[in-house]
PDB file of N, CA and C in Angstrom:
ATOM      1  N   MET A   1      -7.311  13.501  -3.761  1.00  0.00           N
ATOM      2  CA  MET A   1      -6.102  13.772  -3.721  1.00  0.00           C
ATOM      3  C   MET A   1      -5.721  12.045  -4.639  1.00  0.00           C
ATOM      4  N   ASN A   2      -4.273  12.011  -5.234  1.00  0.00           N
ATOM      5  CA  ASN A   2      -4.418   9.767  -5.448  1.00  0.00           C
ATOM      6  C   ASN A   2      -5.012   9.171  -5.268  1.00  0.00           C
ATOM      7  N   GLY A   3      -5.395   6.767  -4.780  1.00  0.00           N
ATOM      8  CA  GLY A   3      -4.636   6.589  -3.767  1.00  0.00           C
ATOM      9  C   GLY A   3      -3.281   6.355  -3.453  1.00  0.00           C
ATOM     10  N   TRP A   4      -2.028   5.796  -5.105  1.00  0.00           N
ATOM     11  CA  TRP A   4      -1.224   6.068  -4.438  1.00  0.00           C
ATOM     12  C   TRP A   4      -0.041   7.019  -4.198  1.00  0.00           C
ATOM     13  N   ALA A   5      -0.692   8.405  -5.199  1.00  0.00           N
ATOM     14  CA  ALA A   5       0.071   9.742  -4.036  1.00  0.00           C
ATOM     15  C   ALA A   5       0.021   9.501  -2.188  1.00  0.00           C
ATOM     16  N   GLU A   6      -1.766   9.311  -2.041  1.00  0.00           N
ATOM     17  CA  GLU A   6      -1.739   9.086  -1.352  1.00  0.00           C
ATOM     18  C   GLU A   6      -0.239   8.068  -0.419  1.00  0.00           C
ATOM     19  N   ILE A   7      -0.658   6.588  -0.395  1.00  0.00           N
ATOM     20  CA  ILE A   7       0.153   6.113   0.503  1.00  0.00           C
ATOM     21  C   ILE A   7       1.350   6.276   0.240  1.00  0.00           C
ATOM     22  N   LEU A   8       2.022   6.508  -1.148  1.00  0.00           N
ATOM     23  CA  LEU A   8       3.287   7.535  -0.592  1.00  0.00           C
ATOM     24  C   LEU A   8       3.591   8.770  -0.450  1.00  0.00           C
ATOM     25  N   GLN A   9       2.646   9.416  -0.100  1.00  0.00           N
ATOM     26  CA  GLN A   9       2.740  10.115   1.158  1.00  0.00           C
ATOM     27  C   GLN A   9       3.357   9.801   3.024  1.00  0.00           C
ATOM     28  N   ARG A  10       2.198   8.926   3.328  1.00  0.00           N
ATOM     29  CA  ARG A  10       2.008   8.527   4.775  1.00  0.00           C
ATOM     30  C   ARG A  10       3.185   7.809   4.230  1.00  0.00           C
ATOM     31  N   PHE A  11       4.107   6.808   4.076  1.00  0.00           N
ATOM     32  CA  PHE A  11       5.200   6.112   4.233  1.00  0.00           C
ATOM     33  C   PHE A  11       6.361   7.183   4.771  1.00  0.00           C
ATOM     34  N   GLY A  12       5.933   8.783   4.307  1.00  0.00           N
ATOM     35  CA  GLY A  12       6.999   9.091   4.399  1.00  0.00           C
ATOM     36  C   GLY A  12       8.636   9.798   4.160  1.00  0.00           C
ATOM     37  N   ASP A  13       9.069  10.368   4.790  1.00  0.00           N
ATOM     38  CA  ASP A  13      10.419  10.129   3.414  1.00  0.00           C
ATOM     39  C   ASP A  13      11.363  10.883   4.736  1.00  0.00           C
ATOM     40  N   VAL A  14      12.124   9.455   5.335  1.00  0.00           N
ATOM     41  CA  VAL A  14      13.045  10.260   6.061  1.00  0.00           C
ATOM     42  C   VAL A  14      14.072  10.820   5.748  1.00  0.00           C
ATOM     43  N   ASP A  15      15.061  11.008   4.684  1.00  0.00           N
ATOM     44  CA  ASP A  15      15.310  11.533   4.125  1.00  0.00           C
ATOM     45  C   ASP A  15      15.371  12.763   3.829  1.00  0.00           C
ATOM     46  N   GLY A  16      14.030  13.642   4.600  1.00  0.00           N
ATOM     47  CA  GLY A  16      13.883  14.673   3.590  1.00  0.00           C
ATOM     48  C   GLY A  16      13.001  15.295   5.536  1.00  0.00           C
ATOM     49  N   GLY A  17      12.870  14.337   6.841  1.00  0.00           N
ATOM     50  CA  GLY A  17      12.490  14.466   7.620  1.00  0.00           C
ATOM     51  C   GLY A  17      10.972  14.719   7.927  1.00  0.00           C
ATOM     52  N   ILE A  18      10.963  13.838   6.829  1.00  0.00           N
ATOM     53  CA  ILE A  18       9.001  13.885   6.128  1.00  0.00           C
ATOM     54  C   ILE A  18       9.498  12.169   7.626  1.00  0.00           C
ATOM     55  N   ARG A  19       8.629  12.166   8.259  1.00  0.00           N
ATOM     56  CA  ARG A  19       7.692  10.961   9.150  1.00  0.00           C
ATOM     57  C   ARG A  19       7.338   9.966   9.070  1.00  0.00           C
ATOM     58  N   PRO A  20       6.872   8.626   9.057  1.00  0.00           N
ATOM     59  CA  PRO A  20       5.726   8.427   8.104  1.00  0.00           C
ATOM     60  C   PRO A  20       4.268   7.988   9.286  1.00  0.00           C
ATOM     61  N   THR A  21       3.385   8.351   8.274  1.00  0.00           N
ATOM     62  CA  THR A  21       2.308   7.570   8.841  1.00  0.00           C
ATOM     63  C   THR A  21       1.066   6.712   8.484  1.00  0.00           C
ATOM     64  N   LEU A  22       1.885   5.969   8.103  1.00  0.00           N
ATOM     65  CA  LEU A  22       2.008   4.253   7.819  1.00  0.00           C
ATOM     66  C   LEU A  22       2.620   3.454   7.999  1.00  0.00           C
ATOM     67  N   PHE A  23       2.098   2.362   8.623  1.00  0.00           N
ATOM     68  CA  PHE A  23       3.068   1.343   8.986  1.00  0.00           C
ATOM     69  C   PHE A  23       2.352   0.143   8.806  1.00  0.00           C
ATOM     70  N   VAL A  24       3.598  -0.818   7.482  1.00  0.00           N
ATOM     71  CA  VAL A  24       3.197  -1.876   7.422  1.00  0.00           C
ATOM     72  C   VAL A  24       3.802  -3.913   8.454  1.00  0.00           C
ATOM     73  N   HIS A  25       2.934  -4.204   8.874  1.00  0.00           N
ATOM     74  CA  HIS A  25       2.538  -5.115  10.011  1.00  0.00           C
ATOM     75  C   HIS A  25       3.558  -6.600   9.547  1.00  0.00           C
ATOM     76  N   LYS A  26       4.267  -6.721   9.876  1.00  0.00           N
ATOM     77  CA  LYS A  26       5.130  -8.250   8.820  1.00  0.00           C
ATOM     78  C   LYS A  26       4.858  -9.213   8.457  1.00  0.00           C
ATOM     79  N   ARG A  27       2.856  -9.301   9.920  1.00  0.00           N
ATOM     80  CA  ARG A  27       2.078 -10.285   9.151  1.00  0.00           C
ATOM     81  C   ARG A  27       1.221  -9.823   7.728  1.00  0.00           C
ATOM     82  N   CYS A  28       1.804  -9.202   7.365  1.00  0.00           N
ATOM     83  CA  CYS A  28       0.729  -8.724   6.258  1.00  0.00           C
ATOM     84  C   CYS A  28       2.049  -8.719   4.797  1.00  0.00           C
ATOM     85  N   GLY A  29       2.657 -10.162   4.619  1.00  0.00           N
ATOM     86  CA  GLY A  29       3.437 -10.698   3.617  1.00  0.00           C
ATOM     87  C   GLY A  29       2.922 -10.297   2.448  1.00  0.00           C
ATOM     88  N   ARG A  30       1.988 -10.628   1.656  1.00  0.00           N
ATOM     89  CA  ARG A  30       1.142 -10.351   0.868  1.00  0.00           C
ATOM     90  C   ARG A  30       1.883  -9.153  -0.237  1.00  0.00           C
ATOM     91  N   LEU A  31       0.863  -8.201   1.638  1.00  0.00           N
ATOM     92  CA  LEU A  31       1.348  -6.760   0.789  1.00  0.00           C
ATOM     93  C   LEU A  31       2.756  -6.498   0.905  1.00  0.00           C
ATOM     94  N   ILE A  32       3.555  -7.086   1.819  1.00  0.00           N
ATOM     95  CA  ILE A  32       5.333  -6.472   1.399  1.00  0.00           C
ATOM     96  C   ILE A  32       6.253  -7.678   0.618  1.00  0.00           C
ATOM     97  N   GLU A  33       5.037  -8.176  -0.457  1.00  0.00           N
ATOM     98  CA  GLU A  33       5.739  -8.606  -0.599  1.00  0.00           C
ATOM     99  C   GLU A  33       5.003  -8.063  -2.769  1.00  0.00           C
ATOM    100  N   THR A  34       3.751  -7.671  -2.847  1.00  0.00           N
ATOM    101  CA  THR A  34       3.833  -7.029  -3.331  1.00  0.00           C
ATOM    102  C   THR A  34       3.841  -5.719  -4.276  1.00  0.00           C
ATOM    103  N   LEU A  35       3.856  -5.021  -2.332  1.00  0.00           N
ATOM    104  CA  LEU A  35       4.094  -2.867  -3.756  1.00  0.00           C
ATOM    105  C   LEU A  35       5.612  -3.419  -4.151  1.00  0.00           C
ATOM    106  N   PRO A  36       7.177  -3.117  -3.773  1.00  0.00           N
ATOM    107  CA  PRO A  36       7.391  -3.426  -4.416  1.00  0.00           C
ATOM    108  C   PRO A  36       8.286  -3.642  -5.713  1.00  0.00           C
ATOM    109  N   SER A  37       6.330  -4.481  -6.167  1.00  0.00           N
ATOM    110  CA  SER A  37       6.579  -4.859  -8.000  1.00  0.00           C
ATOM    111  C   SER A  37       5.550  -4.481  -8.443  1.00  0.00           C
ATOM    112  N   LEU A  38       5.294  -3.346  -7.822  1.00  0.00           N
ATOM    113  CA  LEU A  38       3.720  -2.254  -8.763  1.00  0.00           C
ATOM    114  C   LEU A  38       4.796  -1.528  -9.364  1.00  0.00           C
ATOM    115  N   GLN A  39       4.143  -1.090 -10.193  1.00  0.00           N
ATOM    116  CA  GLN A  39       4.536  -0.314 -11.616  1.00  0.00           C
ATOM    117  C   GLN A  39       3.966   0.499 -12.277  1.00  0.00           C
ATOM    118  N   HIS A  40       4.485   2.137 -12.595  1.00  0.00           N
ATOM    119  CA  HIS A  40       3.771   3.092 -13.160  1.00  0.00           C
ATOM    120  C   HIS A  40       2.677   2.517 -14.598  1.00  0.00           C
ATOM    121  N   ASP A  41       1.521   2.151 -15.097  1.00  0.00           N
ATOM    122  CA  ASP A  41       1.056   2.807 -15.680  1.00  0.00           C
ATOM    123  C   ASP A  41       1.166   3.340 -16.660  1.00  0.00           C
ATOM    124  N   PRO A  42       1.785   3.372 -17.612  1.00  0.00           N
ATOM    125  CA  PRO A  42       2.601   3.143 -18.471  1.00  0.00           C
ATOM    126  C   PRO A  42       1.916   4.770 -19.691  1.00  0.00           C
ATOM    127  N   ASN A  43      -0.474   4.104 -19.697  1.00  0.00           N
ATOM    128  CA  ASN A  43      -1.614   4.819 -20.071  1.00  0.00           C
ATOM    129  C   ASN A  43      -1.961   6.699 -18.795  1.00  0.00           C
ATOM    130  N   ARG A  44      -1.330   6.037 -17.626  1.00  0.00           N
ATOM    131  CA  ARG A  44      -2.209   7.440 -16.727  1.00  0.00           C
ATOM    132  C   ARG A  44      -0.868   6.794 -15.262  1.00  0.00           C
ATOM    133  N   PRO A  45       0.558   7.526 -15.145  1.00  0.00           N
ATOM    134  CA  PRO A  45       1.049   8.064 -15.091  1.00  0.00           C
ATOM    135  C   PRO A  45       0.431   8.617 -13.489  1.00  0.00           C
ATOM    136  N   GLU A  46      -0.513   8.175 -12.896  1.00  0.00           N
ATOM    137  CA  GLU A  46      -0.328   8.082 -12.140  1.00  0.00           C
ATOM    138  C   GLU A  46      -0.686   7.211 -11.068  1.00  0.00           C
ATOM    139  N   ASP A  47      -1.352   6.347 -11.631  1.00  0.00           N
ATOM    140  CA  ASP A  47      -1.698   4.372 -11.180  1.00  0.00           C
ATOM    141  C   ASP A  47      -0.901   3.965 -11.022  1.00  0.00           C
ATOM    142  N   VAL A  48      -1.232   3.165 -11.364  1.00  0.00           N
ATOM    143  CA  VAL A  48      -0.065   1.123 -11.507  1.00  0.00           C
ATOM    144  C   VAL A  48      -0.510   0.927 -12.262  1.00  0.00           C
ATOM    145  N   LEU A  49       0.534  -0.615 -13.076  1.00  0.00           N
ATOM    146  CA  LEU A  49      -0.412  -1.450 -14.019  1.00  0.00           C
ATOM    147  C   LEU A  49      -1.244  -2.139 -13.319  1.00  0.00           C
ATOM    148  N   LYS A  50      -2.558  -2.942 -13.705  1.00  0.00           N
ATOM    149  CA  LYS A  50      -2.779  -3.898 -12.997  1.00  0.00           C
ATOM    150  C   LYS A  50      -2.712  -4.487 -12.989  1.00  0.00           C
ATOM    151  N   VAL A  51      -2.531  -5.882 -11.895  1.00  0.00           N
ATOM    152  CA  VAL A  51      -1.732  -6.914 -12.121  1.00  0.00           C
ATOM    153  C   VAL A  51      -2.842  -8.113 -12.317  1.00  0.00           C
ATOM    154  N   ASP A  52      -2.942  -8.872 -12.263  1.00  0.00           N
ATOM    155  CA  ASP A  52      -4.139  -9.693 -12.208  1.00  0.00           C
ATOM    156  C   ASP A  52      -2.895 -11.500 -11.913  1.00  0.00           C
ATOM    157  N   ALA A  53      -3.790 -11.475 -11.245  1.00  0.00           N
ATOM    158  CA  ALA A  53      -3.798 -13.538 -10.073  1.00  0.00           C
ATOM    159  C   ALA A  53      -3.862 -14.785 -11.285  1.00  0.00           C
ATOM    160  N   ASP A  54      -3.121 -15.693 -12.077  1.00  0.00           N
ATOM    161  CA  ASP A  54      -3.559 -16.457 -12.023  1.00  0.00           C
ATOM    162  C   ASP A  54      -4.172 -17.114 -12.681  1.00  0.00           C
ATOM    163  N   ASP A  55      -4.683 -18.581 -12.608  1.00  0.00           N
ATOM    164  CA  ASP A  55      -5.343 -18.932 -12.122  1.00  0.00           C
ATOM    165  C   ASP A  55      -6.110 -19.965 -11.487  1.00  0.00           C
ATOM    166  N   ASP A  56      -4.686 -20.325 -11.038  1.00  0.00           N
ATOM    167  CA  ASP A  56      -4.607 -20.986  -9.440  1.00  0.00           C
ATOM    168  C   ASP A  56      -4.251 -20.129  -8.416  1.00  0.00           C
ATOM    169  N   GLY A  57      -5.025 -18.183  -8.142  1.00  0.00           N
ATOM    170  CA  GLY A  57      -4.525 -17.132  -7.833  1.00  0.00           C
ATOM    171  C   GLY A  57      -3.284 -16.739  -7.093  1.00  0.00           C
ATOM    172  N   ILE A  58      -2.015 -16.968  -7.363  1.00  0.00           N
ATOM    173  CA  ILE A  58      -0.861 -16.547  -7.883  1.00  0.00           C
ATOM    174  C   ILE A  58      -0.363 -15.431  -8.343  1.00  0.00           C
ATOM    175  N   GLY A  59      -0.189 -14.242  -7.517  1.00  0.00           N
ATOM    176  CA  GLY A  59       0.795 -13.158  -8.372  1.00  0.00           C
ATOM    177  C   GLY A  59      -0.715 -12.173  -8.569  1.00  0.00           C
ATOM    178  N   GLY A  60      -0.784 -11.570  -8.927  1.00  0.00           N
ATOM    179  CA  GLY A  60      -1.912  -9.917  -8.335  1.00  0.00           C
ATOM    180  C   GLY A  60      -1.176  -8.903  -8.292  1.00  0.00           C
ATOM    181  N   ASP A  61      -1.735  -7.637  -7.644  1.00  0.00           N
ATOM    182  CA  ASP A  61      -2.149  -6.663  -6.734  1.00  0.00           C
ATOM    183  C   ASP A  61      -3.285  -6.476  -6.080  1.00  0.00           C
ATOM    184  N   ASP A  62      -3.731  -7.591  -5.973  1.00  0.00           N
ATOM    185  CA  ASP A  62      -4.690  -7.157  -4.369  1.00  0.00           C
ATOM    186  C   ASP A  62      -5.171  -6.540  -3.874  1.00  0.00           C
ATOM    187  N   ALA A  63      -3.492  -7.011  -2.385  1.00  0.00           N
ATOM    188  CA  ALA A  63      -3.465  -6.842  -1.862  1.00  0.00           C
ATOM    189  C   ALA A  63      -2.944  -4.926  -1.731  1.00  0.00           C
ATOM    190  N   ALA A  64      -2.491  -4.766  -3.198  1.00  0.00           N
ATOM    191  CA  ALA A  64      -1.457  -3.005  -2.560  1.00  0.00           C
ATOM    192  C   ALA A  64      -3.908  -2.434  -2.614  1.00  0.00           C
ATOM    193  N   ASP A  65      -4.435  -3.438  -4.041  1.00  0.00           N
ATOM    194  CA  ASP A  65      -5.880  -2.498  -4.158  1.00  0.00           C
ATOM    195  C   ASP A  65      -5.733  -2.196  -2.678  1.00  0.00           C
ATOM    196  N   ALA A  66      -6.141  -3.483  -1.789  1.00  0.00           N
ATOM    197  CA  ALA A  66      -6.703  -3.285  -0.443  1.00  0.00           C
ATOM    198  C   ALA A  66      -5.801  -1.839  -0.158  1.00  0.00           C
ATOM    199  N   LEU A  67      -4.842  -1.848   0.871  1.00  0.00           N
ATOM    200  CA  LEU A  67      -4.184  -0.858   1.415  1.00  0.00           C
ATOM    201  C   LEU A  67      -4.205   0.139   0.804  1.00  0.00           C
ATOM    202  N   ARG A  68      -5.233   0.461  -0.783  1.00  0.00           N
ATOM    203  CA  ARG A  68      -5.111   1.330  -1.789  1.00  0.00           C
ATOM    204  C   ARG A  68      -6.680   1.732  -0.644  1.00  0.00           C
ATOM    205  N   TYR A  69      -7.603   1.047  -0.989  1.00  0.00           N
ATOM    206  CA  TYR A  69      -9.372   1.265  -0.962  1.00  0.00           C
ATOM    207  C   TYR A  69      -8.833   1.507   0.978  1.00  0.00           C
ATOM    208  N   LEU A  70      -8.366   0.951   1.635  1.00  0.00           N
ATOM    209  CA  LEU A  70      -7.753   1.367   3.263  1.00  0.00           C
ATOM    210  C   LEU A  70      -7.718   2.514   3.415  1.00  0.00           C
ATOM    211  N   VAL A  71      -6.200   2.629   3.030  1.00  0.00           N
ATOM    212  CA  VAL A  71      -5.953   4.599   3.363  1.00  0.00           C
ATOM    213  C   VAL A  71      -6.451   5.846   2.563  1.00  0.00           C
ATOM    214  N   ALA A  72      -8.052   5.132   1.593  1.00  0.00           N
ATOM    215  CA  ALA A  72      -8.222   6.059   0.596  1.00  0.00           C
ATOM    216  C   ALA A  72     -10.243   6.185   2.192  1.00  0.00           C
ATOM    217  N   THR A  73     -10.824   5.510   2.845  1.00  0.00           N
ATOM    218  CA  THR A  73     -11.094   5.646   4.090  1.00  0.00           C
ATOM    219  C   THR A  73     -10.836   5.935   5.259  1.00  0.00           C
ATOM    220  N   LYS A  74      -9.583   6.229   5.903  1.00  0.00           N
ATOM    221  CA  LYS A  74      -9.314   6.158   7.022  1.00  0.00           C
ATOM    222  C   LYS A  74      -8.385   7.424   6.432  1.00  0.00           C
ATOM    223  N   SER A  75      -9.250   8.581   8.269  1.00  0.00           N
ATOM    224  CA  SER A  75      -7.608   9.739   8.362  1.00  0.00           C
ATOM    225  C   SER A  75      -5.944   9.266   8.444  1.00  0.00           C
ATOM    226  N   ARG A  76      -5.603  10.665   8.597  1.00  0.00           N
ATOM    227  CA  ARG A  76      -4.625  10.398   9.007  1.00  0.00           C
ATOM    228  C   ARG A  76      -4.249  11.005   9.903  1.00  0.00           C
ATOM    229  N   ALA A  77      -4.655  10.611  10.723  1.00  0.00           N
ATOM    230  CA  ALA A  77      -4.568  10.087  12.800  1.00  0.00           C
ATOM    231  C   ALA A  77      -3.588   8.730  13.419  1.00  0.00           C
ATOM    232  N   ILE A  78      -2.138   9.577  13.018  1.00  0.00           N
ATOM    233  CA  ILE A  78      -1.265   7.970  14.220  1.00  0.00           C
ATOM    234  C   ILE A  78      -2.361   7.477  14.961  1.00  0.00           C
ATOM    235  N   SER A  79      -2.598   5.236  15.468  1.00  0.00           N
ATOM    236  CA  SER A  79      -2.684   5.710  16.307  1.00  0.00           C
ATOM    237  C   SER A  79      -1.595   3.993  16.140  1.00  0.00           C
ATOM    238  N   GLN A  80      -1.760   3.984  17.384  1.00  0.00           N
ATOM    239  CA  GLN A  80      -1.443   2.603  17.326  1.00  0.00           C
ATOM    240  C   GLN A  80      -2.266   1.399  17.571  1.00  0.00           C
ATOM    241  N   ARG A  81      -2.738   0.540  17.920  1.00  0.00           N
ATOM    242  CA  ARG A  81      -3.812  -0.695  18.822  1.00  0.00           C
ATOM    243  C   ARG A  81      -2.670  -2.153  19.424  1.00  0.00           C
ATOM    244  N   LYS A  82      -2.431  -2.841  20.601  1.00  0.00           N
ATOM    245  CA  LYS A  82      -1.783  -3.859  20.043  1.00  0.00           C
ATOM    246  C   LYS A  82      -2.445  -4.512  19.612  1.00  0.00           C
ATOM    247  N   LEU A  83      -2.325  -5.533  18.832  1.00  0.00           N
ATOM    248  CA  LEU A  83      -2.724  -6.780  18.128  1.00  0.00           C
ATOM    249  C   LEU A  83      -3.379  -8.477  18.800  1.00  0.00           C
ATOM    250  N   ARG A  84      -3.930  -8.786  18.836  1.00  0.00           N
ATOM    251  CA  ARG A  84      -4.400 -10.288  19.717  1.00  0.00           C
ATOM    252  C   ARG A  84      -4.963 -10.801  19.268  1.00  0.00           C
ATOM    253  N   GLY A  85      -5.145 -11.988  19.648  1.00  0.00           N
ATOM    254  CA  GLY A  85      -5.670 -13.401  19.182  1.00  0.00           C
ATOM    255  C   GLY A  85      -3.871 -14.169  18.552  1.00  0.00           C
ATOM    256  N   LEU A  86      -2.669 -13.760  18.194  1.00  0.00           N
ATOM    257  CA  LEU A  86      -1.874 -14.049  17.263  1.00  0.00           C
ATOM    258  C   LEU A  86      -0.427 -14.646  18.245  1.00  0.00           C
TER     259      LEU A  86
END
């Protein structure tokens, strides 16, 4: 399955009665900032338009790409762990 479609599916659909299986922690600020700004690629509707960071490293969609790669390598099982050290 396409990585972006997998992410959308894992976010669930509360109105449709589908529980989410992917949760983003509030400490993932860059990801939370990036996800709403993603746009469909007009040449590949199943993909998102690539956005590179500027010369100062600001912007870009690297955080969203990292999430996509994470989802591609992890199972759908739900597990909860307490984060330590912060």
